[in-house]
Protein backbone atom coordinates (compact mmCIF):
# COMPACT_ATOMS: atom_id res chain seq x y z
CA MET A 1 153.40 107.13 131.48
CA PHE A 2 151.44 108.10 134.60
CA ARG A 3 149.38 110.57 132.60
CA SER A 4 148.70 107.91 129.95
CA LEU A 5 147.54 105.49 132.65
CA ILE A 6 145.17 108.08 134.12
CA THR A 7 143.76 108.74 130.64
CA THR A 8 143.20 105.02 130.06
CA ILE A 9 141.45 104.59 133.41
CA ALA A 10 139.22 107.58 132.72
CA LEU A 11 138.28 106.14 129.32
CA VAL A 12 137.40 102.77 130.85
CA ILE A 13 135.24 104.47 133.49
CA LEU A 14 133.48 106.50 130.79
CA ILE A 15 132.73 103.39 128.72
CA CYS A 16 131.46 101.48 131.75
CA SER A 17 129.29 104.42 132.80
CA SER A 18 127.78 104.63 129.32
CA ALA A 19 127.03 100.90 129.33
CA LEU A 20 125.41 101.10 132.76
CA SER A 21 123.33 104.12 131.82
CA GLN A 22 122.14 102.59 128.55
CA LYS A 23 118.48 101.69 128.77
CA VAL A 24 117.56 98.10 128.11
CA TYR A 25 114.25 97.96 126.28
CA THR A 26 111.61 95.34 126.97
CA LEU A 27 108.48 94.27 125.14
CA LYS A 28 106.38 96.70 127.18
CA ASP A 29 108.30 99.58 125.60
CA LEU A 30 106.73 98.60 122.28
CA PHE A 31 103.43 99.98 123.60
CA THR A 32 104.76 103.32 124.88
CA ASP A 33 106.12 106.33 123.01
CA THR A 34 109.52 104.63 122.64
CA ALA A 35 111.04 105.20 119.20
CA ILE A 36 110.54 102.30 116.80
CA THR A 37 112.88 101.70 113.87
CA TRP A 38 111.96 99.64 110.81
CA TYR A 39 114.98 97.61 109.66
CA GLY A 40 113.45 96.26 106.45
CA ILE A 41 113.00 92.75 105.07
CA ASP A 42 115.86 90.33 105.62
CA TYR A 43 116.25 87.84 102.74
CA THR A 44 119.60 86.37 103.77
CA ARG A 45 118.11 82.99 104.79
CA ALA A 46 115.07 82.95 102.49
CA GLU A 47 114.25 79.93 100.34
CA MET A 48 113.12 81.12 96.92
CA VAL A 49 111.19 78.16 95.53
CA GLY A 50 110.02 77.97 91.92
CA THR A 51 110.80 80.07 88.86
CA PHE A 52 113.58 82.23 90.31
CA GLY A 53 116.57 80.63 88.60
CA ASP A 54 116.99 83.23 85.85
CA LYS A 55 116.33 86.25 88.08
CA ASP A 56 118.76 88.65 89.71
CA LEU A 57 117.16 88.37 93.12
CA HIS A 58 119.34 91.03 94.70
CA ASN A 59 117.46 93.62 92.63
CA TYR A 60 114.14 92.21 93.83
CA PHE A 61 115.30 92.17 97.45
CA GLN A 62 116.02 95.87 97.08
CA GLY A 63 112.73 96.52 95.29
CA TRP A 64 110.62 94.81 97.94
CA ASN A 65 112.45 96.75 100.63
CA THR A 66 111.59 100.09 99.00
CA LEU A 67 107.85 99.42 99.13
CA MET A 68 107.55 100.70 102.71
CA LEU A 69 109.42 103.86 101.71
CA VAL A 70 107.66 104.80 98.45
CA GLU A 71 104.19 103.33 99.02
CA THR A 72 103.75 104.24 102.66
CA GLU A 73 99.94 104.19 102.67
CA LYS A 74 99.74 100.65 101.29
CA TYR A 75 102.65 99.32 103.36
CA ASN A 76 102.06 101.27 106.54
CA VAL A 77 104.22 99.80 109.29
CA ALA A 78 103.59 102.81 111.54
CA ALA A 79 99.83 102.32 111.44
CA ALA A 80 100.23 98.62 112.19
CA LEU A 81 102.08 99.59 115.36
CA GLN A 82 99.60 102.36 116.24
CA ARG A 83 102.17 105.09 115.65
CA SER A 84 102.08 108.32 113.69
CA LYS A 85 105.54 107.45 112.39
CA VAL A 86 108.43 105.02 112.67
CA ASN A 87 112.08 105.58 111.85
CA PHE A 88 113.55 103.85 108.80
CA ASP A 89 117.06 102.40 108.91
CA ILE A 90 117.28 99.65 106.30
CA ALA A 91 120.98 100.15 105.48
CA SER A 92 122.21 97.21 107.55
CA VAL A 93 119.68 94.70 106.22
CA SER A 94 120.11 95.99 102.66
CA LYS A 95 123.86 95.44 102.92
CA LEU A 96 123.41 91.90 104.22
CA ASN A 97 120.89 91.17 101.45
CA SER A 98 123.29 92.44 98.79
CA LEU A 99 126.10 90.21 100.09
CA SER A 100 123.94 87.10 100.41
CA THR A 101 123.82 84.15 98.05
CA PRO A 102 120.12 83.63 97.22
CA ASP A 103 118.86 80.16 98.09
CA ILE A 104 117.10 79.30 94.83
CA ARG A 105 115.55 75.84 94.66
CA PHE A 106 112.73 73.90 93.02
CA VAL A 107 111.94 71.74 96.03
CA PRO A 108 111.44 73.47 99.40
CA SER A 109 113.13 72.12 102.49
CA ASP A 110 109.98 72.89 104.51
CA SER A 111 112.26 73.61 107.46
CA ALA A 112 111.50 76.55 109.72
CA LEU A 113 113.89 79.11 111.09
CA SER A 114 114.41 78.45 114.79
CA LYS A 115 114.54 81.00 117.60
CA SER A 116 118.32 80.67 117.64
CA ASP A 117 118.44 81.25 113.85
CA ILE A 118 116.39 84.41 114.26
CA ALA A 119 118.54 85.64 117.17
CA GLU A 120 121.69 85.03 115.11
CA MET A 121 120.30 86.99 112.16
CA VAL A 122 119.26 89.95 114.30
CA GLY A 123 122.64 89.89 116.03
CA ALA A 124 124.31 90.58 112.69
CA TYR A 125 122.57 93.94 112.22
CA GLU A 126 124.72 97.01 112.64
CA GLU A 127 123.58 99.20 115.50
CA GLY A 128 123.86 102.48 113.61
CA LYS A 129 122.69 105.63 115.35
CA SER A 130 119.33 104.32 116.48
CA GLU A 131 118.19 103.14 119.87
CA GLY A 132 114.90 101.88 121.20
CA ILE A 133 112.82 99.15 119.60
CA GLY A 134 113.67 97.63 116.23
CA ILE A 135 111.37 95.62 113.98
CA VAL A 136 112.30 93.56 110.95
CA PHE A 137 110.55 91.12 108.65
CA ILE A 138 112.62 88.01 108.07
CA ALA A 139 111.63 86.35 104.80
CA GLU A 140 111.63 82.60 105.36
CA ARG A 141 110.25 81.27 102.08
CA TYR A 142 108.62 82.38 98.82
CA ASN A 143 107.02 79.26 97.34
CA LYS A 144 105.58 79.71 93.85
CA ALA A 145 104.01 76.23 93.69
CA LYS A 146 102.13 76.65 96.96
CA LYS A 147 101.47 80.34 96.30
CA GLN A 148 102.78 81.25 99.72
CA GLY A 149 105.08 83.87 101.12
CA VAL A 150 106.31 83.36 104.68
CA HIS A 151 107.66 86.24 106.76
CA ILE A 152 108.56 86.43 110.43
CA ALA A 153 107.96 89.74 112.19
CA VAL A 154 110.70 90.20 114.79
CA VAL A 155 110.71 92.87 117.49
CA PHE A 156 114.04 93.47 119.25
CA ASP A 157 116.00 95.81 121.49
CA ILE A 158 118.32 97.69 119.14
CA ALA A 159 121.18 98.15 121.63
CA THR A 160 121.42 94.55 122.83
CA LYS A 161 119.87 92.86 119.76
CA LYS A 162 117.76 90.79 122.16
CA VAL A 163 114.67 89.42 120.41
CA LEU A 164 111.59 90.45 122.38
CA ILE A 165 108.92 88.67 120.34
CA SER A 166 108.43 87.12 116.91
CA GLN A 167 105.48 86.01 114.82
CA ARG A 168 105.33 84.01 111.59
CA TYR A 169 102.90 85.01 108.82
CA THR A 170 101.98 82.91 105.78
CA THR A 171 100.24 84.98 103.12
CA ALA A 172 99.30 84.72 99.45
CA PRO A 173 100.88 86.46 96.43
CA ASP A 174 98.92 88.07 93.63
CA GLY A 175 99.83 90.22 90.66
CA ILE A 176 101.79 90.40 87.43
CA GLY A 177 105.57 90.33 87.33
CA VAL A 178 107.90 89.04 90.03
CA ARG A 179 108.00 92.22 92.13
CA ASN A 180 104.26 92.85 92.06
CA TYR A 181 103.39 89.17 92.44
CA TRP A 182 105.10 88.83 95.81
CA ALA A 183 104.45 92.35 97.11
CA PRO A 184 100.94 91.44 98.42
CA THR A 185 102.50 88.86 100.75
CA ILE A 186 104.34 91.72 102.45
CA ARG A 187 101.28 93.96 102.54
CA SER A 188 99.15 91.17 104.03
CA ALA A 189 101.81 90.40 106.63
CA ILE A 190 101.77 94.05 107.74
CA LYS A 191 97.98 93.85 108.11
CA LEU A 192 98.34 90.74 110.26
CA LEU A 193 100.91 92.60 112.35
CA THR A 194 98.15 95.10 113.16
CA SER A 195 96.08 92.36 114.79
CA ASN A 196 99.11 90.94 116.58
CA TYR A 197 100.05 94.32 117.99
CA LYS A 198 96.62 94.63 119.63
CA LYS A 199 96.87 91.07 120.95
CA TRP A 200 100.37 91.60 122.33
CA LYS A 201 99.31 94.84 124.00
CA LYS A 202 96.37 93.11 125.67
CA GLU A 203 98.55 90.23 126.89
CA HIS A 204 101.60 92.16 128.02
CA VAL A 205 100.17 95.49 129.20
CA ASN A 206 96.44 95.30 129.79
CA GLY A 207 96.32 91.63 130.74
């Protein structure tokens, strides 16, 4: 029993030591050589407004998430963040998307996801093997009538899931077919992220 107690105490000390030694990342780390991991596009709370009723949206959620993987030059998250590369770990978001019940409607609620909504969504992501800075696009609404796609870029500390900064982008779709029609909203949001990255760096590092 004594030996078992010693083993338990040693395990507790090891866990506490690991927690204390774990680096907590801040927004300033976004502008250093800290590893950045792309988590994908989260559709779990997205309003899909318009002609989506006869579509298997889970397949489209997966298709839109592969754009950054197979069309890297057009959907270049790394370049937007002034990096030569970013890590990709979309498994957690893909799983959540696949288990979600798509919110298909003809009339939008016009409500906006709050900071607490965003924090709750990010908190549901599995940690995986990554550490450092995570970034995800949260899809808020695809509105066919208004020809608008709304995404929120969210930067967070992977270990603690603390949201460091977020920015909402409203962009326009264009193309033929459901996948290609909404893909430009993602591409345009990534381009806007480029401008935001420079602004954030000026405000939080150079400013």
